[in-house]
């Protein structure tokens, strides 16, 4: 399905999940069962062949030669098909932390596991966490790893981002842990939790079969590479509802107000890290061939000193107005707070009480570990990029020393790319505007100009994207997706459909 068809389907399913939840749930069950179609079909053939063969023997009738052939073939295929559906999902990457290293953190996890324990038939079931891993993200998640692929046998692995621990208080981290454990299924959420697990497993199966080698796996790929995108789209509304249910369970077992603060702080911190902290850090690329300071060790201080730069009322208002993109499984902040019956409230930041303190003296070592991971992964790229910027500035200077009439369309294209490469977007836009006037058929220039204009909030870029699709069929899909996504993110789905239709008509 293309992006327009997928968007229409998602909108229909969102409405159905709200207006006819029972019908939607039944449809999800049917779609989920379809994922087992190859095994079900082969099993049905084997059972049918066995039944008719047994019935013929009992009645003394001659057995058709097709019966044993069907039984043997189906049984011979069931094992390799089942094996093909067993996917390996790697455990979370990062630094595994033990109970001996961080006893306070594990005591907190034990407390949350106790609070979220489920009572079933007079028995209390407490969820188990197989491992705890620290990474460099500003996030927390539980990854459920199946032992037998789509057939289940899950173990739970908790990942905690060290930057998130530097943002949240211990009480706020408690609510986030309760939310993540809530994904495992509460007293009335086992079915939704099963679907939630199936999404990750089927997506892993899709990746595996996309690189399939033998003939059987290539045959299965023809089915699953079509099925999995449909399954993930069909269950997206359920996945979003599952996030809200996990919020509710966390609120019941901890504190709704504290959970609301945690959700708000995470949303604001994510934006601060992306738009301010890392932007300022990478701004040193041009100046020095070596990173100026270890970024993660500096992060707690940056969050404390610059707290007014990220705990901002205007950012909070913008986050409350944000809508969910088509493929996002997480509802926007406004919807999550409304579901908890909470009003948006700008939180405060207390550096002395952040969750990172749970590690005691080990906290500094954890930050240094993040720095070392970053250094190993990025130091060579930093040096290379520094040299590229120096070279780009020299080449731009050569173009700027030429008279305007001497610059050919190719020169302007190359110059615009160089300007964009060093972050001079406004100048790159002007260069591209001149280029598309001189060469109206420059499809790539129209596409790049359209993207840059939309990023700057100038919707005339939609026209350039349409022209790009018109002049180059290969740009239809990326240009259509870019403009379509821009409009959908702003809640203008009707305009998005009309834009996609214009792009298709232009092509």
Protein backbone atom coordinates (compact mmCIF):
# COMPACT_ATOMS: atom_id res chain seq x y z
CA UNK A 1 0.00 0.00 0.00
CA UNK A 2 1.24 3.55 -0.71
CA UNK A 3 1.42 6.30 1.90
CA UNK A 4 -2.04 7.67 1.06
CA UNK A 5 -3.72 4.26 1.27
CA UNK A 6 -1.92 3.53 4.53
CA UNK A 7 -2.97 6.85 6.00
CA UNK A 8 -6.62 6.25 5.04
CA UNK A 9 -6.49 2.77 6.59
CA UNK A 10 -4.92 4.11 9.80
CA UNK A 11 -7.58 6.82 10.09
CA UNK A 12 -10.37 4.26 9.61
CA UNK A 13 -8.88 1.93 12.20
CA UNK A 14 -8.41 4.78 14.70
CA UNK A 15 -12.12 5.62 14.41
CA UNK A 16 -13.15 1.99 14.59
CA UNK A 17 -11.05 1.36 17.70
CA UNK A 18 -12.87 4.25 19.40
CA UNK A 19 -16.40 3.75 18.05
CA UNK A 20 -16.52 -0.05 17.68
CA UNK A 21 -13.83 -1.46 19.96
CA UNK A 22 -15.27 -5.00 19.95
CA UNK A 23 -15.31 -5.17 16.16
CA UNK A 24 -11.79 -3.73 15.96
CA UNK A 25 -10.53 -6.27 18.53
CA UNK A 26 -12.05 -9.14 16.53
CA UNK A 27 -10.43 -7.86 13.33
CA UNK A 28 -7.05 -7.61 15.06
CA UNK A 29 -7.39 -11.23 16.23
CA UNK A 30 -8.11 -12.33 12.66
CA UNK A 31 -5.19 -10.33 11.24
CA UNK A 32 -2.86 -11.69 13.93
CA UNK A 33 -3.97 -15.27 13.20
CA UNK A 34 -3.19 -14.69 9.53
CA UNK A 35 0.47 -14.46 10.49
CA UNK A 36 0.42 -18.17 11.24
CA UNK A 37 -1.24 -19.02 7.91
CA UNK A 38 1.67 -21.04 6.42
CA UNK A 39 1.83 -23.32 9.45
CA UNK A 40 -1.95 -23.53 9.79
CA UNK A 41 -2.33 -24.42 6.10
CA UNK A 42 0.34 -27.13 6.24
CA UNK A 43 -1.06 -28.47 9.51
CA UNK A 44 -4.55 -28.60 8.04
CA UNK A 45 -3.28 -30.54 5.02
CA UNK A 46 -1.44 -32.99 7.29
CA UNK A 47 -4.46 -33.50 9.57
CA UNK A 48 -6.81 -33.94 6.62
CA UNK A 49 -4.50 -36.49 4.98
CA UNK A 50 -4.09 -38.34 8.28
CA UNK A 51 -7.86 -38.35 8.89
CA UNK A 52 -8.75 -39.77 5.47
CA UNK A 53 -5.93 -42.29 5.63
CA UNK A 54 -7.02 -43.50 9.07
CA UNK A 55 -10.69 -43.60 8.07
CA UNK A 56 -9.86 -45.68 4.99
CA UNK A 57 -7.84 -48.17 7.04
CA UNK A 58 -10.63 -48.55 9.63
CA UNK A 59 -13.23 -49.15 6.95
CA UNK A 60 -11.00 -51.50 4.97
CA UNK A 61 -11.11 -49.26 1.88
CA UNK A 62 -8.08 -48.77 -0.34
CA UNK A 63 -6.09 -45.67 0.53
CA UNK A 64 -5.63 -43.13 -2.27
CA UNK A 65 -1.93 -42.61 -3.09
CA UNK A 66 -2.50 -38.86 -2.74
CA UNK A 67 -3.23 -39.25 0.99
CA UNK A 68 0.22 -40.48 2.12
CA UNK A 69 1.91 -38.12 -0.34
CA UNK A 70 0.04 -35.14 1.09
CA UNK A 71 0.81 -36.27 4.64
CA UNK A 72 4.53 -36.74 3.99
CA UNK A 73 4.93 -33.47 2.07
CA UNK A 74 3.08 -31.39 4.66
CA UNK A 75 4.92 -32.95 7.59
CA UNK A 76 8.23 -32.51 5.76
CA UNK A 77 7.50 -28.80 5.25
CA UNK A 78 6.15 -28.00 8.72
CA UNK A 79 9.56 -28.35 10.40
CA UNK A 80 11.55 -26.06 8.04
CA UNK A 81 8.71 -23.51 7.94
CA UNK A 82 8.57 -23.46 11.74
CA UNK A 83 12.37 -23.10 11.82
CA UNK A 84 12.20 -20.20 9.36
CA UNK A 85 9.70 -18.43 11.65
CA UNK A 86 12.09 -18.61 14.62
CA UNK A 87 13.79 -15.22 14.61
CA UNK A 88 16.67 -14.13 16.76
CA UNK A 89 16.29 -10.78 18.48
CA UNK A 90 19.49 -9.49 19.98
CA UNK A 91 19.49 -8.39 23.63
CA UNK A 92 19.76 -4.65 24.26
CA UNK A 93 23.12 -3.10 23.43
CA UNK A 94 24.93 -1.22 26.16
CA UNK A 95 26.53 -1.85 29.53
CA UNK A 96 24.94 -4.56 31.62
CA UNK A 97 24.68 -3.50 35.24
CA UNK A 98 24.47 -5.99 38.09
CA UNK A 99 22.68 -5.98 41.42
CA UNK A 100 26.04 -5.80 43.21
CA UNK A 101 27.05 -2.66 41.29
CA UNK A 102 23.79 -0.76 41.77
CA UNK A 103 21.87 -2.18 44.74
CA UNK A 104 19.69 0.93 45.10
CA UNK A 105 18.60 0.78 41.47
CA UNK A 106 17.70 -2.90 41.76
CA UNK A 107 15.87 -2.26 45.03
CA UNK A 108 13.79 0.33 43.18
CA UNK A 109 13.11 -2.12 40.33
CA UNK A 110 12.12 -4.82 42.86
CA UNK A 111 9.73 -2.37 44.50
CA UNK A 112 8.07 -1.54 41.17
CA UNK A 113 7.84 -5.23 40.25
CA UNK A 114 6.13 -5.87 43.59
CA UNK A 115 3.66 -3.02 43.01
CA UNK A 116 2.82 -4.20 39.50
CA UNK A 117 2.39 -7.86 40.42
CA UNK A 118 -0.82 -9.36 39.01
CA UNK A 119 -3.29 -11.46 40.99
CA UNK A 120 -4.78 -14.33 38.98
CA UNK A 121 -6.93 -17.06 40.52
CA UNK A 122 -5.77 -16.33 44.07
CA UNK A 123 -2.15 -16.39 42.94
CA UNK A 124 0.18 -13.42 42.66
CA UNK A 125 2.31 -13.32 39.53
CA UNK A 126 5.30 -10.99 39.62
CA UNK A 127 6.99 -10.14 36.34
CA UNK A 128 10.68 -10.97 36.07
CA UNK A 129 13.47 -8.88 34.57
CA UNK A 130 16.25 -10.99 33.06
CA UNK A 131 18.80 -8.17 32.67
CA UNK A 132 19.27 -4.44 33.12
CA UNK A 133 21.32 -2.56 30.54
CA UNK A 134 22.44 1.06 30.48
CA UNK A 135 22.84 2.97 27.23
CA UNK A 136 23.36 6.53 26.00
CA UNK A 137 19.72 7.30 25.08
CA UNK A 138 17.23 9.53 26.84
CA UNK A 139 14.75 6.68 27.04
CA UNK A 140 13.66 3.57 28.91
CA UNK A 141 12.19 0.42 27.46
CA UNK A 142 11.62 -3.26 28.10
CA UNK A 143 12.61 -5.48 25.21
CA UNK A 144 10.91 -8.84 25.17
CA UNK A 145 13.10 -11.43 23.47
CA UNK A 146 11.35 -14.60 22.24
CA UNK A 147 13.16 -17.91 22.58
CA UNK A 148 11.10 -19.46 19.77
CA UNK A 149 10.35 -16.58 17.41
CA UNK A 150 6.65 -16.06 16.69
CA UNK A 151 5.91 -18.99 19.03
CA UNK A 152 6.86 -17.03 22.14
CA UNK A 153 8.84 -17.97 25.22
CA UNK A 154 9.68 -14.37 26.12
CA UNK A 155 12.26 -13.02 28.54
CA UNK A 156 12.21 -9.37 29.65
CA UNK A 157 15.23 -7.09 29.33
CA UNK A 158 15.19 -3.56 30.75
CA UNK A 159 17.16 -0.76 29.08
CA UNK A 160 17.73 2.57 30.84
CA UNK A 161 19.28 5.60 29.20
CA UNK A 162 21.90 7.31 31.35
CA UNK A 163 20.82 10.77 30.08
CA UNK A 164 17.26 9.94 31.15
CA UNK A 165 18.56 9.12 34.63
CA UNK A 166 20.18 12.58 34.66
CA UNK A 167 16.83 14.18 33.78
CA UNK A 168 14.32 12.39 36.02
CA UNK A 169 14.06 12.29 39.78
CA UNK A 170 13.94 8.92 41.54
CA UNK A 171 10.18 9.24 42.01
CA UNK A 172 9.72 10.07 38.33
CA UNK A 173 11.90 7.13 37.28
CA UNK A 174 9.68 4.90 39.44
CA UNK A 175 6.63 5.88 37.38
CA UNK A 176 8.51 5.32 34.10
CA UNK A 177 9.54 1.84 35.24
CA UNK A 178 5.94 1.10 36.19
CA UNK A 179 4.87 2.22 32.71
CA UNK A 180 7.38 -0.07 31.00
CA UNK A 181 6.40 -3.04 33.15
CA UNK A 182 2.79 -2.18 32.37
CA UNK A 183 3.52 -3.20 28.77
CA UNK A 184 3.92 -6.78 29.97
CA UNK A 185 0.20 -7.00 30.65
CA UNK A 186 -1.89 -6.30 33.70
CA UNK A 187 -4.82 -8.22 35.02
CA UNK A 188 -6.96 -7.33 32.00
CA UNK A 189 -4.25 -6.59 29.46
CA UNK A 190 -2.74 -9.95 28.55
CA UNK A 191 -4.21 -10.00 25.05
CA UNK A 192 -3.03 -6.45 24.20
CA UNK A 193 0.40 -7.28 25.60
CA UNK A 194 0.56 -10.36 23.38
CA UNK A 195 -0.24 -8.27 20.29
CA UNK A 196 2.36 -5.73 21.43
CA UNK A 197 4.99 -8.51 21.53
CA UNK A 198 3.88 -9.87 18.17
CA UNK A 199 4.52 -6.51 16.51
CA UNK A 200 8.20 -6.57 17.46
CA UNK A 201 8.56 -10.25 16.56
CA UNK A 202 6.92 -9.96 13.16
CA UNK A 203 8.99 -6.88 12.36
CA UNK A 204 12.12 -8.90 13.18
CA UNK A 205 10.81 -11.71 10.97
CA UNK A 206 10.31 -9.21 8.13
CA UNK A 207 13.94 -8.07 8.42
CA UNK A 208 15.14 -11.68 8.44
CA UNK A 209 13.14 -12.75 5.39
CA UNK A 210 14.12 -9.60 3.47
CA UNK A 211 17.62 -11.09 3.41
CA UNK A 212 16.49 -14.70 2.95
CA UNK A 213 18.73 -17.11 1.10
CA UNK A 214 17.12 -20.50 0.52
CA UNK A 215 14.11 -21.18 -1.66
CA UNK A 216 11.66 -21.86 1.17
CA UNK A 217 12.51 -18.61 2.94
CA UNK A 218 12.16 -16.70 -0.33
CA UNK A 219 8.71 -18.24 -0.74
CA UNK A 220 7.75 -17.27 2.80
CA UNK A 221 9.14 -13.79 2.15
CA UNK A 222 6.57 -13.26 -0.62
CA UNK A 223 3.84 -13.67 2.01
CA UNK A 224 5.40 -12.01 5.06
CA UNK A 225 6.89 -8.97 3.29
CA UNK A 226 3.32 -8.09 2.34
CA UNK A 227 1.70 -9.27 5.55
CA UNK A 228 3.92 -7.58 8.17
CA UNK A 229 3.41 -3.96 6.99
CA UNK A 230 -0.34 -4.63 6.92
CA UNK A 231 -0.23 -6.21 10.40
CA UNK A 232 1.75 -3.31 11.91
CA UNK A 233 -0.61 -0.79 10.32
CA UNK A 234 -3.69 -2.69 11.49
CA UNK A 235 -2.45 -2.94 15.07
CA UNK A 236 -1.09 0.63 15.32
CA UNK A 237 -4.24 1.93 17.01
CA UNK A 238 -3.99 -0.95 19.49
CA UNK A 239 -0.31 -0.14 20.13
CA UNK A 240 -1.19 3.49 20.92
CA UNK A 241 -3.99 2.38 23.22
CA UNK A 242 -1.53 -0.01 24.85
CA UNK A 243 0.71 2.97 25.67
CA UNK A 244 -2.23 4.71 27.34
CA UNK A 245 -3.08 1.52 29.24
CA UNK A 246 0.52 1.28 30.45
CA UNK A 247 0.23 4.88 31.63
CA UNK A 248 -2.94 4.00 33.53
CA UNK A 249 -1.31 1.01 35.22
CA UNK A 250 1.68 3.15 36.18
CA UNK A 251 -0.64 5.82 37.60
CA UNK A 252 -2.57 3.21 39.63
CA UNK A 253 0.54 1.63 41.10
CA UNK A 254 2.59 4.81 41.66
CA UNK A 255 1.37 8.40 41.33
CA UNK A 256 -0.40 10.01 38.37
CA UNK A 257 0.93 13.52 39.06
CA UNK A 258 4.52 12.28 39.21
CA UNK A 259 4.03 10.26 36.03
CA UNK A 260 2.74 13.40 34.29
CA UNK A 261 5.88 15.28 35.37
CA UNK A 262 8.07 12.46 34.09
CA UNK A 263 6.34 12.42 30.68
CA UNK A 264 6.62 16.20 30.43
CA UNK A 265 10.27 16.34 31.47
CA UNK A 266 11.22 13.61 29.02
CA UNK A 267 9.49 15.42 26.13
CA UNK A 268 11.22 18.71 26.95
CA UNK A 269 14.61 17.08 27.59
CA UNK A 270 14.44 15.22 24.26
CA UNK A 271 14.02 18.53 22.46
CA UNK A 272 16.75 20.24 24.49
CA UNK A 273 19.24 17.48 23.75
CA UNK A 274 18.47 17.52 20.02
CA UNK A 275 18.13 21.25 19.40
CA UNK A 276 20.47 22.77 21.98
CA UNK A 277 22.94 20.45 23.71
CA UNK A 278 24.15 18.43 20.73
CA UNK A 279 23.85 21.38 18.34
CA UNK A 280 26.22 23.38 20.52
CA UNK A 281 28.58 20.46 20.89
CA UNK A 282 28.81 19.80 17.16
CA UNK A 283 29.20 23.52 16.46
CA UNK A 284 32.84 22.98 17.53
CA UNK A 285 33.44 20.72 14.53
CA UNK A 286 34.57 23.63 12.39
CA UNK A 287 36.87 25.05 15.05
CA UNK A 288 38.79 22.05 16.30
CA UNK A 289 39.83 18.62 14.98
CA UNK A 290 39.18 17.11 18.43
CA UNK A 291 36.00 17.22 20.56
CA UNK A 292 36.32 20.09 23.05
CA UNK A 293 34.93 18.21 26.08
CA UNK A 294 33.41 14.82 27.01
CA UNK A 295 29.71 15.36 26.22
CA UNK A 296 28.02 12.93 28.59
CA UNK A 297 30.10 13.94 31.60
CA UNK A 298 29.06 17.52 30.86
CA UNK A 299 25.37 16.66 30.46
CA UNK A 300 24.25 16.77 34.14
CA UNK A 301 25.84 20.19 34.55
CA UNK A 302 24.27 21.44 31.32
CA UNK A 303 20.81 20.29 32.45
CA UNK A 304 21.27 22.09 35.75
CA UNK A 305 22.81 25.33 34.49
CA UNK A 306 20.58 25.63 31.43
CA UNK A 307 17.36 24.44 33.10
CA UNK A 308 15.49 27.54 31.87
CA UNK A 309 16.43 26.61 28.31
CA UNK A 310 14.60 23.30 28.42
CA UNK A 311 11.97 23.72 31.12
CA UNK A 312 10.16 26.25 28.95
CA UNK A 313 6.46 27.07 28.89
CA UNK A 314 6.46 27.72 25.11
CA UNK A 315 8.02 24.30 24.45
CA UNK A 316 5.43 22.72 26.72
CA UNK A 317 2.59 24.45 24.88
CA UNK A 318 4.00 23.28 21.53
CA UNK A 319 4.34 19.72 22.84
CA UNK A 320 0.71 19.82 24.00
CA UNK A 321 -0.43 20.88 20.53
CA UNK A 322 1.65 18.27 18.68
CA UNK A 323 -0.13 15.47 16.84
CA UNK A 324 1.04 11.91 16.29
CA UNK A 325 2.70 10.96 13.04
CA UNK A 326 1.08 8.09 11.14
CA UNK A 327 3.66 5.47 12.12
CA UNK A 328 4.27 6.54 15.72
CA UNK A 329 3.13 4.06 18.36
CA UNK A 330 3.31 6.69 21.12
CA UNK A 331 0.41 9.14 21.54
CA UNK A 332 1.41 12.83 21.85
CA UNK A 333 2.01 14.35 25.27
CA UNK A 334 -1.32 16.18 25.27
CA UNK A 335 -3.28 12.99 24.71
CA UNK A 336 -1.35 11.10 27.37
CA UNK A 337 -1.88 13.79 30.01
CA UNK A 338 -5.58 14.08 29.09
CA UNK A 339 -6.00 10.31 29.48
CA UNK A 340 -4.54 10.66 32.98
CA UNK A 341 -6.90 13.58 33.66
CA UNK A 342 -3.92 15.89 34.23
CA UNK A 343 -3.37 19.51 33.32
CA UNK A 344 0.00 20.44 31.77
CA UNK A 345 2.36 21.76 34.39
CA UNK A 346 5.92 22.96 33.92
CA UNK A 347 8.11 20.74 36.14
CA UNK A 348 11.23 21.69 38.05
CA UNK A 349 14.68 20.14 37.99
CA UNK A 350 16.61 19.25 41.16
CA UNK A 351 20.15 18.11 40.19
CA UNK A 352 20.84 16.74 43.64
CA UNK A 353 17.87 14.35 43.48
CA UNK A 354 18.13 12.89 39.97
CA UNK A 355 17.87 9.13 39.47
CA UNK A 356 21.54 8.99 38.49
CA UNK A 357 22.27 9.31 42.22
CA UNK A 358 21.01 5.74 42.64
CA UNK A 359 24.42 4.62 41.38
CA UNK A 360 26.39 6.50 44.04
CA UNK A 361 30.09 6.75 43.09
CA UNK A 362 29.40 4.58 40.05
CA UNK A 363 27.46 7.44 38.41
CA UNK A 364 30.64 9.20 37.31
CA UNK A 365 31.97 5.96 35.85
CA UNK A 366 28.70 5.47 33.93
CA UNK A 367 28.98 8.92 32.36
CA UNK A 368 32.61 8.24 31.45
CA UNK A 369 31.55 4.95 29.91
CA UNK A 370 29.10 6.85 27.68
CA UNK A 371 31.87 9.27 26.73
CA UNK A 372 34.20 6.44 25.82
CA UNK A 373 31.51 4.71 23.75
CA UNK A 374 30.90 7.99 21.94
CA UNK A 375 34.63 8.59 21.43
CA UNK A 376 35.23 5.15 19.92
CA UNK A 377 32.23 5.50 17.61
CA UNK A 378 32.71 9.15 16.58
CA UNK A 379 36.27 10.40 17.05
CA UNK A 380 37.49 9.41 13.57
CA UNK A 381 34.30 10.77 12.00
CA UNK A 382 34.79 14.06 13.90
CA UNK A 383 38.28 14.51 12.46
CA UNK A 384 37.10 13.63 8.95
CA UNK A 385 34.17 16.02 9.20
CA UNK A 386 36.41 18.81 10.44
CA UNK A 387 38.58 18.42 7.35
CA UNK A 388 35.50 18.32 5.10
CA UNK A 389 34.25 21.62 6.54
CA UNK A 390 37.65 23.26 5.99
CA UNK A 391 37.65 22.04 2.38
CA UNK A 392 34.02 23.08 1.82
CA UNK A 393 34.71 26.62 3.01
CA UNK A 394 37.67 26.86 0.66
CA UNK A 395 35.58 25.70 -2.33
CA UNK A 396 32.75 28.11 -1.46
CA UNK A 397 35.27 30.92 -1.38
CA UNK A 398 36.36 29.93 -4.91
CA UNK A 399 32.78 30.11 -6.18
CA UNK A 400 32.20 33.44 -4.46
CA UNK A 401 35.26 34.89 -6.16
CA UNK A 402 33.66 34.19 -9.57
CA UNK A 403 31.33 36.62 -11.35
CA UNK A 404 27.63 35.66 -11.18
CA UNK A 405 27.36 35.22 -14.96
CA UNK A 406 30.26 32.76 -14.90
CA UNK A 407 28.42 30.32 -12.62
CA UNK A 408 26.79 27.50 -14.56
CA UNK A 409 23.77 25.54 -13.22
CA UNK A 410 26.09 22.70 -12.14
CA UNK A 411 28.28 25.22 -10.28
CA UNK A 412 25.24 26.58 -8.43
CA UNK A 413 24.11 23.03 -7.56
CA UNK A 414 27.54 22.16 -6.19
CA UNK A 415 27.73 25.46 -4.30
CA UNK A 416 24.29 24.95 -2.75
CA UNK A 417 25.32 21.49 -1.52
CA UNK A 418 28.50 22.91 -0.01
CA UNK A 419 26.54 25.69 1.72
CA UNK A 420 24.08 23.16 3.06
CA UNK A 421 26.91 20.92 4.18
CA UNK A 422 28.28 23.58 6.51
CA UNK A 423 24.91 24.66 7.88
CA UNK A 424 24.29 27.79 5.81
CA UNK A 425 20.73 26.81 4.85
CA UNK A 426 19.43 30.30 4.07
CA UNK A 427 22.19 30.89 1.52
CA UNK A 428 21.67 27.41 0.06
CA UNK A 429 17.96 28.18 -0.42
CA UNK A 430 18.73 31.39 -2.32
CA UNK A 431 21.24 29.56 -4.50
CA UNK A 432 18.68 26.85 -5.30
CA UNK A 433 16.00 29.44 -6.08
CA UNK A 434 18.33 30.98 -8.63
CA UNK A 435 19.16 27.55 -10.03
CA UNK A 436 15.54 26.47 -10.65
CA UNK A 437 14.91 29.78 -12.44
CA UNK A 438 17.91 29.18 -14.72
CA UNK A 439 17.04 25.49 -15.17
CA UNK A 440 13.32 24.80 -14.49
CA UNK A 441 13.84 21.09 -15.26
CA UNK A 442 16.36 20.58 -12.45
CA UNK A 443 14.24 18.02 -10.56
CA UNK A 444 16.76 17.36 -7.80
CA UNK A 445 17.12 21.07 -7.17
CA UNK A 446 13.32 21.41 -6.89
CA UNK A 447 13.22 18.49 -4.45
CA UNK A 448 16.02 19.84 -2.25
CA UNK A 449 14.59 23.37 -2.34
CA UNK A 450 11.15 22.04 -1.40
CA UNK A 451 12.56 20.11 1.55
CA UNK A 452 14.56 23.07 2.84
CA UNK A 453 11.62 25.45 2.51
CA UNK A 454 9.33 23.11 4.45
CA UNK A 455 11.98 22.74 7.15
CA UNK A 456 12.00 26.55 7.38
CA UNK A 457 8.20 26.63 7.62
CA UNK A 458 7.72 28.01 4.09
CA UNK A 459 4.91 26.03 2.44
CA UNK A 460 5.84 27.19 -1.05
CA UNK A 461 8.16 24.19 -0.83
CA UNK A 462 5.11 21.98 -1.53
CA UNK A 463 5.00 23.43 -5.05
CA UNK A 464 8.67 22.62 -5.59
CA UNK A 465 8.07 19.05 -4.44
CA UNK A 466 5.22 18.72 -6.94
CA UNK A 467 7.51 20.00 -9.71
CA UNK A 468 10.20 17.53 -8.64
CA UNK A 469 7.69 14.64 -8.93
CA UNK A 470 6.58 15.95 -12.33
CA UNK A 471 10.08 16.16 -13.75
CA UNK A 472 11.52 12.91 -12.37
CA UNK A 473 9.42 9.78 -11.78
CA UNK A 474 12.01 8.47 -9.32
CA UNK A 475 11.30 11.47 -7.07
CA UNK A 476 7.54 10.85 -6.95
CA UNK A 477 7.65 8.66 -3.85
CA UNK A 478 10.16 10.68 -1.76
CA UNK A 479 8.62 14.03 -2.76
CA UNK A 480 5.12 12.73 -2.07
CA UNK A 481 6.09 11.29 1.30
CA UNK A 482 7.84 14.49 2.35
CA UNK A 483 4.95 16.82 1.54
CA UNK A 484 2.33 14.36 2.71
CA UNK A 485 4.08 13.86 6.05
CA UNK A 486 4.50 17.63 6.52
CA UNK A 487 0.75 18.21 6.17
CA UNK A 488 -0.30 15.18 8.22
CA UNK A 489 1.95 16.23 11.12
CA UNK A 490 0.00 19.51 11.20
CA UNK A 491 -3.36 17.78 11.29
CA UNK A 492 -4.21 18.63 7.66
CA UNK A 493 -4.93 15.16 6.33
CA UNK A 494 -7.41 16.28 3.67
CA UNK A 495 -4.79 18.62 2.20
CA UNK A 496 -2.24 15.82 2.44
CA UNK A 497 -4.42 13.54 0.29
CA UNK A 498 -4.93 16.30 -2.29
CA UNK A 499 -1.16 16.96 -2.37
CA UNK A 500 -0.44 13.27 -2.96
CA UNK A 501 -3.02 13.20 -5.77
CA UNK A 502 -1.39 16.25 -7.38
CA UNK A 503 2.00 14.56 -7.23
CA UNK A 504 0.61 11.41 -8.85
CA UNK A 505 -1.16 13.42 -11.52
CA UNK A 506 1.99 15.43 -12.21
CA UNK A 507 4.00 12.24 -12.69
